[in-house]
Amino acid sequence: DDEEDRITEASELDRDVAMEQELERRLKEVRKAREHITQGKYGQCVTCASPIGSDRLQAVPTAILCINCAQKAL
């Protein structure tokens, strides 16, 4: 039982750490988007300066790359 409890706790801890990292990543994206809004650059690709399509911004409001640059980054 103790071994199973430790395994369960370790698994839950791993899940919690992963969730925390994901939330921190998202918060960083939101802060970056707010910075772009403040600078008047929201909706402008940071790589090529092209407009980011409205469909993309609706799907990913924190997008900083146009679809072409995002695909190249993969």
PDB file of N, CA and C in Angstrom:
ATOM      1  N   ASP A   1       0.811  -1.202   0.000  1.00  0.00           N
ATOM      2  CA  ASP A   1       0.000   0.000   0.000  1.00  0.00           C
ATOM      3  C   ASP A   1       0.854   1.266   0.000  1.00  0.00           C
ATOM      4  N   ASP A   2       1.908   1.269   0.801  1.00  0.00           N
ATOM      5  CA  ASP A   2       2.775   2.445   0.848  1.00  0.00           C
ATOM      6  C   ASP A   2       3.406   2.716  -0.514  1.00  0.00           C
ATOM      7  N   GLU A   3       3.824   1.659  -1.189  1.00  0.00           N
ATOM      8  CA  GLU A   3       4.434   1.803  -2.514  1.00  0.00           C
ATOM      9  C   GLU A   3       3.425   2.379  -3.503  1.00  0.00           C
ATOM     10  N   GLU A   4       2.211   1.871  -3.477  1.00  0.00           N
ATOM     11  CA  GLU A   4       1.164   2.382  -4.363  1.00  0.00           C
ATOM     12  C   GLU A   4       0.854   3.842  -4.052  1.00  0.00           C
ATOM     13  N   ASP A   5       0.829   4.192  -2.775  1.00  0.00           N
ATOM     14  CA  ASP A   5       0.585   5.577  -2.378  1.00  0.00           C
ATOM     15  C   ASP A   5       1.681   6.502  -2.890  1.00  0.00           C
ATOM     16  N   ARG A   6       2.927   6.057  -2.786  1.00  0.00           N
ATOM     17  CA  ARG A   6       4.050   6.868  -3.276  1.00  0.00           C
ATOM     18  C   ARG A   6       3.979   7.032  -4.786  1.00  0.00           C
ATOM     19  N   ILE A   7       3.622   5.961  -5.478  1.00  0.00           N
ATOM     20  CA  ILE A   7       3.502   6.030  -6.936  1.00  0.00           C
ATOM     21  C   ILE A   7       2.381   6.990  -7.316  1.00  0.00           C
ATOM     22  N   THR A   8       1.253   6.903  -6.616  1.00  0.00           N
ATOM     23  CA  THR A   8       0.131   7.795  -6.890  1.00  0.00           C
ATOM     24  C   THR A   8       0.513   9.245  -6.612  1.00  0.00           C
ATOM     25  N   GLU A   9       1.165   9.489  -5.484  1.00  0.00           N
ATOM     26  CA  GLU A   9       1.597  10.842  -5.149  1.00  0.00           C
ATOM     27  C   GLU A   9       2.586  11.387  -6.170  1.00  0.00           C
ATOM     28  N   ALA A  10       3.513  10.543  -6.600  1.00  0.00           N
ATOM     29  CA  ALA A  10       4.500  10.972  -7.598  1.00  0.00           C
ATOM     30  C   ALA A  10       3.807  11.308  -8.916  1.00  0.00           C
ATOM     31  N   SER A  11       2.847  10.500  -9.295  1.00  0.00           N
ATOM     32  CA  SER A  11       2.101  10.736 -10.528  1.00  0.00           C
ATOM     33  C   SER A  11       1.315  12.044 -10.445  1.00  0.00           C
ATOM     34  N   GLU A  12       0.671  12.272  -9.305  1.00  0.00           N
ATOM     35  CA  GLU A  12      -0.078  13.508  -9.113  1.00  0.00           C
ATOM     36  C   GLU A  12       0.839  14.715  -9.107  1.00  0.00           C
ATOM     37  N   LEU A  13       2.000  14.584  -8.516  1.00  0.00           N
ATOM     38  CA  LEU A  13       2.969  15.672  -8.490  1.00  0.00           C
ATOM     39  C   LEU A  13       3.442  15.985  -9.905  1.00  0.00           C
ATOM     40  N   ASP A  14       3.750  14.947 -10.688  1.00  0.00           N
ATOM     41  CA  ASP A  14       4.163  15.158 -12.075  1.00  0.00           C
ATOM     42  C   ASP A  14       3.085  15.900 -12.856  1.00  0.00           C
ATOM     43  N   ARG A  15       1.832  15.487 -12.655  1.00  0.00           N
ATOM     44  CA  ARG A  15       0.710  16.128 -13.345  1.00  0.00           C
ATOM     45  C   ARG A  15       0.593  17.585 -12.919  1.00  0.00           C
ATOM     46  N   ASP A  16       0.715  17.846 -11.630  1.00  0.00           N
ATOM     47  CA  ASP A  16       0.609  19.214 -11.120  1.00  0.00           C
ATOM     48  C   ASP A  16       1.734  20.097 -11.652  1.00  0.00           C
ATOM     49  N   VAL A  17       2.934  19.565 -11.702  1.00  0.00           N
ATOM     50  CA  VAL A  17       4.072  20.332 -12.220  1.00  0.00           C
ATOM     51  C   VAL A  17       3.858  20.649 -13.699  1.00  0.00           C
ATOM     52  N   ALA A  18       3.406  19.672 -14.459  1.00  0.00           N
ATOM     53  CA  ALA A  18       3.144  19.897 -15.886  1.00  0.00           C
ATOM     54  C   ALA A  18       2.059  20.954 -16.070  1.00  0.00           C
ATOM     55  N   MET A  19       1.019  20.898 -15.256  1.00  0.00           N
ATOM     56  CA  MET A  19      -0.060  21.873 -15.346  1.00  0.00           C
ATOM     57  C   MET A  19       0.439  23.266 -14.991  1.00  0.00           C
ATOM     58  N   GLU A  20       1.261  23.360 -13.961  1.00  0.00           N
ATOM     59  CA  GLU A  20       1.816  24.650 -13.561  1.00  0.00           C
ATOM     60  C   GLU A  20       2.687  25.237 -14.671  1.00  0.00           C
ATOM     61  N   GLN A  21       3.495  24.399 -15.299  1.00  0.00           N
ATOM     62  CA  GLN A  21       4.344  24.873 -16.388  1.00  0.00           C
ATOM     63  C   GLN A  21       3.503  25.366 -17.567  1.00  0.00           C
ATOM     64  N   GLU A  22       2.430  24.654 -17.878  1.00  0.00           N
ATOM     65  CA  GLU A  22       1.541  25.067 -18.974  1.00  0.00           C
ATOM     66  C   GLU A  22       0.870  26.398 -18.649  1.00  0.00           C
ATOM     67  N   LEU A  23       0.413  26.559 -17.423  1.00  0.00           N
ATOM     68  CA  LEU A  23      -0.216  27.816 -17.033  1.00  0.00           C
ATOM     69  C   LEU A  23       0.780  28.972 -17.060  1.00  0.00           C
ATOM     70  N   GLU A  24       2.007  28.725 -16.646  1.00  0.00           N
ATOM     71  CA  GLU A  24       3.045  29.762 -16.708  1.00  0.00           C
ATOM     72  C   GLU A  24       3.344  30.148 -18.151  1.00  0.00           C
ATOM     73  N   ARG A  25       3.360  29.156 -19.048  1.00  0.00           N
ATOM     74  CA  ARG A  25       3.594  29.430 -20.469  1.00  0.00           C
ATOM     75  C   ARG A  25       2.468  30.293 -21.037  1.00  0.00           C
ATOM     76  N   ARG A  26       1.235  29.945 -20.695  1.00  0.00           N
ATOM     77  CA  ARG A  26       0.091  30.716 -21.182  1.00  0.00           C
ATOM     78  C   ARG A  26       0.091  32.135 -20.631  1.00  0.00           C
ATOM     79  N   LEU A  27       0.427  32.283 -19.359  1.00  0.00           N
ATOM     80  CA  LEU A  27       0.490  33.609 -18.757  1.00  0.00           C
ATOM     81  C   LEU A  27       1.540  34.468 -19.461  1.00  0.00           C
ATOM     82  N   LYS A  28       2.654  33.875 -19.788  1.00  0.00           N
ATOM     83  CA  LYS A  28       3.711  34.592 -20.514  1.00  0.00           C
ATOM     84  C   LYS A  28       3.198  35.047 -21.882  1.00  0.00           C
ATOM     85  N   GLU A  29       2.433  34.187 -22.557  1.00  0.00           N
ATOM     86  CA  GLU A  29       1.862  34.543 -23.856  1.00  0.00           C
ATOM     87  C   GLU A  29       0.880  35.706 -23.725  1.00  0.00           C
ATOM     88  N   VAL A  30       0.054  35.673 -22.686  1.00  0.00           N
ATOM     89  CA  VAL A  30      -0.924  36.746 -22.463  1.00  0.00           C
ATOM     90  C   VAL A  30      -0.202  38.055 -22.174  1.00  0.00           C
ATOM     91  N   ARG A  31       0.825  37.990 -21.356  1.00  0.00           N
ATOM     92  CA  ARG A  31       1.590  39.216 -21.054  1.00  0.00           C
ATOM     93  C   ARG A  31       2.235  39.780 -22.309  1.00  0.00           C
ATOM     94  N   LYS A  32       2.743  38.906 -23.159  1.00  0.00           N
ATOM     95  CA  LYS A  32       3.369  39.356 -24.407  1.00  0.00           C
ATOM     96  C   LYS A  32       2.315  39.995 -25.316  1.00  0.00           C
ATOM     97  N   ALA A  33       1.124  39.398 -25.391  1.00  0.00           N
ATOM     98  CA  ALA A  33       0.048  39.959 -26.204  1.00  0.00           C
ATOM     99  C   ALA A  33      -0.356  41.336 -25.674  1.00  0.00           C
ATOM    100  N   ARG A  34      -0.454  41.473 -24.344  1.00  0.00           N
ATOM    101  CA  ARG A  34      -0.794  42.770 -23.757  1.00  0.00           C
ATOM    102  C   ARG A  34       0.275  43.816 -24.083  1.00  0.00           C
ATOM    103  N   GLU A  35       1.518  43.392 -24.072  1.00  0.00           N
ATOM    104  CA  GLU A  35       2.620  44.293 -24.428  1.00  0.00           C
ATOM    105  C   GLU A  35       2.467  44.759 -25.872  1.00  0.00           C
ATOM    106  N   HIS A  36       2.103  43.840 -26.754  1.00  0.00           N
ATOM    107  CA  HIS A  36       1.911  44.191 -28.167  1.00  0.00           C
ATOM    108  C   HIS A  36       0.739  45.153 -28.326  1.00  0.00           C
ATOM    109  N   ILE A  37      -0.326  44.945 -27.547  1.00  0.00           N
ATOM    110  CA  ILE A  37      -1.467  45.857 -27.598  1.00  0.00           C
ATOM    111  C   ILE A  37      -1.019  47.254 -27.182  1.00  0.00           C
ATOM    112  N   THR A  38      -0.285  47.331 -26.087  1.00  0.00           N
ATOM    113  CA  THR A  38       0.196  48.619 -25.578  1.00  0.00           C
ATOM    114  C   THR A  38       1.069  49.331 -26.604  1.00  0.00           C
ATOM    115  N   GLN A  39       1.875  48.562 -27.328  1.00  0.00           N
ATOM    116  CA  GLN A  39       2.788  49.129 -28.320  1.00  0.00           C
ATOM    117  C   GLN A  39       2.112  49.378 -29.663  1.00  0.00           C
ATOM    118  N   GLY A  40       0.845  48.992 -29.775  1.00  0.00           N
ATOM    119  CA  GLY A  40       0.129  49.153 -31.041  1.00  0.00           C
ATOM    120  C   GLY A  40       0.554  48.144 -32.092  1.00  0.00           C
ATOM    121  N   LYS A  41       1.122  47.029 -31.656  1.00  0.00           N
ATOM    122  CA  LYS A  41       1.618  46.019 -32.591  1.00  0.00           C
ATOM    123  C   LYS A  41       0.817  44.727 -32.551  1.00  0.00           C
ATOM    124  N   TYR A  42      -0.293  44.725 -31.803  1.00  0.00           N
ATOM    125  CA  TYR A  42      -1.093  43.501 -31.718  1.00  0.00           C
ATOM    126  C   TYR A  42      -1.644  43.153 -33.101  1.00  0.00           C
ATOM    127  N   GLY A  43      -1.536  41.883 -33.453  1.00  0.00           N
ATOM    128  CA  GLY A  43      -2.025  41.419 -34.750  1.00  0.00           C
ATOM    129  C   GLY A  43      -0.993  41.559 -35.854  1.00  0.00           C
ATOM    130  N   GLN A  44       0.220  41.911 -35.482  1.00  0.00           N
ATOM    131  CA  GLN A  44       1.314  42.052 -36.441  1.00  0.00           C
ATOM    132  C   GLN A  44       2.357  40.984 -36.131  1.00  0.00           C
ATOM    133  N   CYS A  45       2.742  40.226 -37.139  1.00  0.00           N
ATOM    134  CA  CYS A  45       3.722  39.157 -36.967  1.00  0.00           C
ATOM    135  C   CYS A  45       5.066  39.733 -36.512  1.00  0.00           C
ATOM    136  N   VAL A  46       5.639  39.136 -35.480  1.00  0.00           N
ATOM    137  CA  VAL A  46       6.914  39.632 -34.962  1.00  0.00           C
ATOM    138  C   VAL A  46       8.089  39.257 -35.863  1.00  0.00           C
ATOM    139  N   THR A  47       7.869  38.314 -36.776  1.00  0.00           N
ATOM    140  CA  THR A  47       8.953  37.890 -37.657  1.00  0.00           C
ATOM    141  C   THR A  47       8.981  38.690 -38.959  1.00  0.00           C
ATOM    142  N   CYS A  48       7.823  38.770 -39.625  1.00  0.00           N
ATOM    143  CA  CYS A  48       7.802  39.396 -40.953  1.00  0.00           C
ATOM    144  C   CYS A  48       7.003  40.688 -40.998  1.00  0.00           C
ATOM    145  N   ALA A  49       6.378  41.068 -39.887  1.00  0.00           N
ATOM    146  CA  ALA A  49       5.581  42.293 -39.756  1.00  0.00           C
ATOM    147  C   ALA A  49       4.289  42.269 -40.570  1.00  0.00           C
ATOM    148  N   SER A  50       3.928  41.133 -41.140  1.00  0.00           N
ATOM    149  CA  SER A  50       2.650  41.015 -41.848  1.00  0.00           C
ATOM    150  C   SER A  50       1.518  40.943 -40.838  1.00  0.00           C
ATOM    151  N   PRO A  51       0.317  41.325 -41.267  1.00  0.00           N
ATOM    152  CA  PRO A  51      -0.823  41.180 -40.366  1.00  0.00           C
ATOM    153  C   PRO A  51      -1.114  39.706 -40.080  1.00  0.00           C
ATOM    154  N   ILE A  52      -1.479  39.445 -38.845  1.00  0.00           N
ATOM    155  CA  ILE A  52      -1.916  38.101 -38.471  1.00  0.00           C
ATOM    156  C   ILE A  52      -3.408  38.053 -38.770  1.00  0.00           C
ATOM    157  N   GLY A  53      -3.839  37.049 -39.509  1.00  0.00           N
ATOM    158  CA  GLY A  53      -5.232  36.957 -39.922  1.00  0.00           C
ATOM    159  C   GLY A  53      -6.200  36.938 -38.745  1.00  0.00           C
ATOM    160  N   SER A  54      -7.362  37.532 -38.953  1.00  0.00           N
ATOM    161  CA  SER A  54      -8.359  37.606 -37.874  1.00  0.00           C
ATOM    162  C   SER A  54      -8.835  36.214 -37.465  1.00  0.00           C
ATOM    163  N   ASP A  55      -8.926  35.288 -38.415  1.00  0.00           N
ATOM    164  CA  ASP A  55      -9.308  33.915 -38.056  1.00  0.00           C
ATOM    165  C   ASP A  55      -8.292  33.310 -37.092  1.00  0.00           C
ATOM    166  N   ARG A  56      -7.024  33.548 -37.371  1.00  0.00           N
ATOM    167  CA  ARG A  56      -5.971  33.021 -36.497  1.00  0.00           C
ATOM    168  C   ARG A  56      -6.037  33.670 -35.118  1.00  0.00           C
ATOM    169  N   LEU A  57      -6.245  34.988 -35.086  1.00  0.00           N
ATOM    170  CA  LEU A  57      -6.316  35.679 -33.799  1.00  0.00           C
ATOM    171  C   LEU A  57      -7.546  35.261 -32.996  1.00  0.00           C
ATOM    172  N   GLN A  58      -8.636  34.930 -33.685  1.00  0.00           N
ATOM    173  CA  GLN A  58      -9.807  34.431 -32.963  1.00  0.00           C
ATOM    174  C   GLN A  58      -9.516  33.062 -32.365  1.00  0.00           C
ATOM    175  N   ALA A  59      -8.798  32.238 -33.115  1.00  0.00           N
ATOM    176  CA  ALA A  59      -8.459  30.895 -32.626  1.00  0.00           C
ATOM    177  C   ALA A  59      -7.371  30.944 -31.557  1.00  0.00           C
ATOM    178  N   VAL A  60      -6.385  31.820 -31.765  1.00  0.00           N
ATOM    179  CA  VAL A  60      -5.247  31.938 -30.843  1.00  0.00           C
ATOM    180  C   VAL A  60      -5.004  33.436 -30.580  1.00  0.00           C
ATOM    181  N   PRO A  61      -5.747  34.022 -29.637  1.00  0.00           N
ATOM    182  CA  PRO A  61      -5.625  35.468 -29.399  1.00  0.00           C
ATOM    183  C   PRO A  61      -4.223  35.937 -29.016  1.00  0.00           C
ATOM    184  N   THR A  62      -3.389  35.037 -28.537  1.00  0.00           N
ATOM    185  CA  THR A  62      -2.033  35.421 -28.143  1.00  0.00           C
ATOM    186  C   THR A  62      -1.009  35.175 -29.248  1.00  0.00           C
ATOM    187  N   ALA A  63      -1.481  34.863 -30.452  1.00  0.00           N
ATOM    188  CA  ALA A  63      -0.558  34.585 -31.564  1.00  0.00           C
ATOM    189  C   ALA A  63       0.327  35.792 -31.842  1.00  0.00           C
ATOM    190  N   ILE A  64       1.605  35.523 -32.023  1.00  0.00           N
ATOM    191  CA  ILE A  64       2.549  36.595 -32.363  1.00  0.00           C
ATOM    192  C   ILE A  64       3.164  36.358 -33.737  1.00  0.00           C
ATOM    193  N   LEU A  65       2.810  35.231 -34.350  1.00  0.00           N
ATOM    194  CA  LEU A  65       3.310  34.899 -35.679  1.00  0.00           C
ATOM    195  C   LEU A  65       2.142  34.732 -36.643  1.00  0.00           C
ATOM    196  N   CYS A  66       2.313  35.198 -37.878  1.00  0.00           N
ATOM    197  CA  CYS A  66       1.317  34.915 -38.899  1.00  0.00           C
ATOM    198  C   CYS A  66       1.355  33.418 -39.192  1.00  0.00           C
ATOM    199  N   ILE A  67       0.377  32.919 -39.896  1.00  0.00           N
ATOM    200  CA  ILE A  67       0.304  31.483 -40.136  1.00  0.00           C
ATOM    201  C   ILE A  67       1.517  30.988 -40.917  1.00  0.00           C
ATOM    202  N   ASN A  68       1.999  31.774 -41.876  1.00  0.00           N
ATOM    203  CA  ASN A  68       3.175  31.361 -42.671  1.00  0.00           C
ATOM    204  C   ASN A  68       4.421  31.216 -41.786  1.00  0.00           C
ATOM    205  N   CYS A  69       4.666  32.193 -40.944  1.00  0.00           N
ATOM    206  CA  CYS A  69       5.841  32.127 -40.062  1.00  0.00           C
ATOM    207  C   CYS A  69       5.679  31.046 -39.004  1.00  0.00           C
ATOM    208  N   ALA A  70       4.447  30.848 -38.527  1.00  0.00           N
ATOM    209  CA  ALA A  70       4.209  29.794 -37.540  1.00  0.00           C
ATOM    210  C   ALA A  70       4.483  28.423 -38.150  1.00  0.00           C
ATOM    211  N   GLN A  71       4.091  28.232 -39.405  1.00  0.00           N
ATOM    212  CA  GLN A  71       4.350  26.949 -40.066  1.00  0.00           C
ATOM    213  C   GLN A  71       5.843  26.741 -40.298  1.00  0.00           C
ATOM    214  N   LYS A  72       6.547  27.800 -40.637  1.00  0.00           N
ATOM    215  CA  LYS A  72       7.989  27.697 -40.835  1.00  0.00           C
ATOM    216  C   LYS A  72       8.708  27.364 -39.522  1.00  0.00           C
ATOM    217  N   ALA A  73       8.154  27.862 -38.411  1.00  0.00           N
ATOM    218  CA  ALA A  73       8.769  27.644 -37.099  1.00  0.00           C
ATOM    219  C   ALA A  73       8.636  26.196 -36.630  1.00  0.00           C
ATOM    220  N   LEU A  74       7.707  25.464 -37.226  1.00  0.00           N
ATOM    221  CA  LEU A  74       7.539  24.064 -36.826  1.00  0.00           C
ATOM    222  C   LEU A  74       8.671  23.303 -37.383  1.00  0.00           C
TER     223      LEU A  74
END
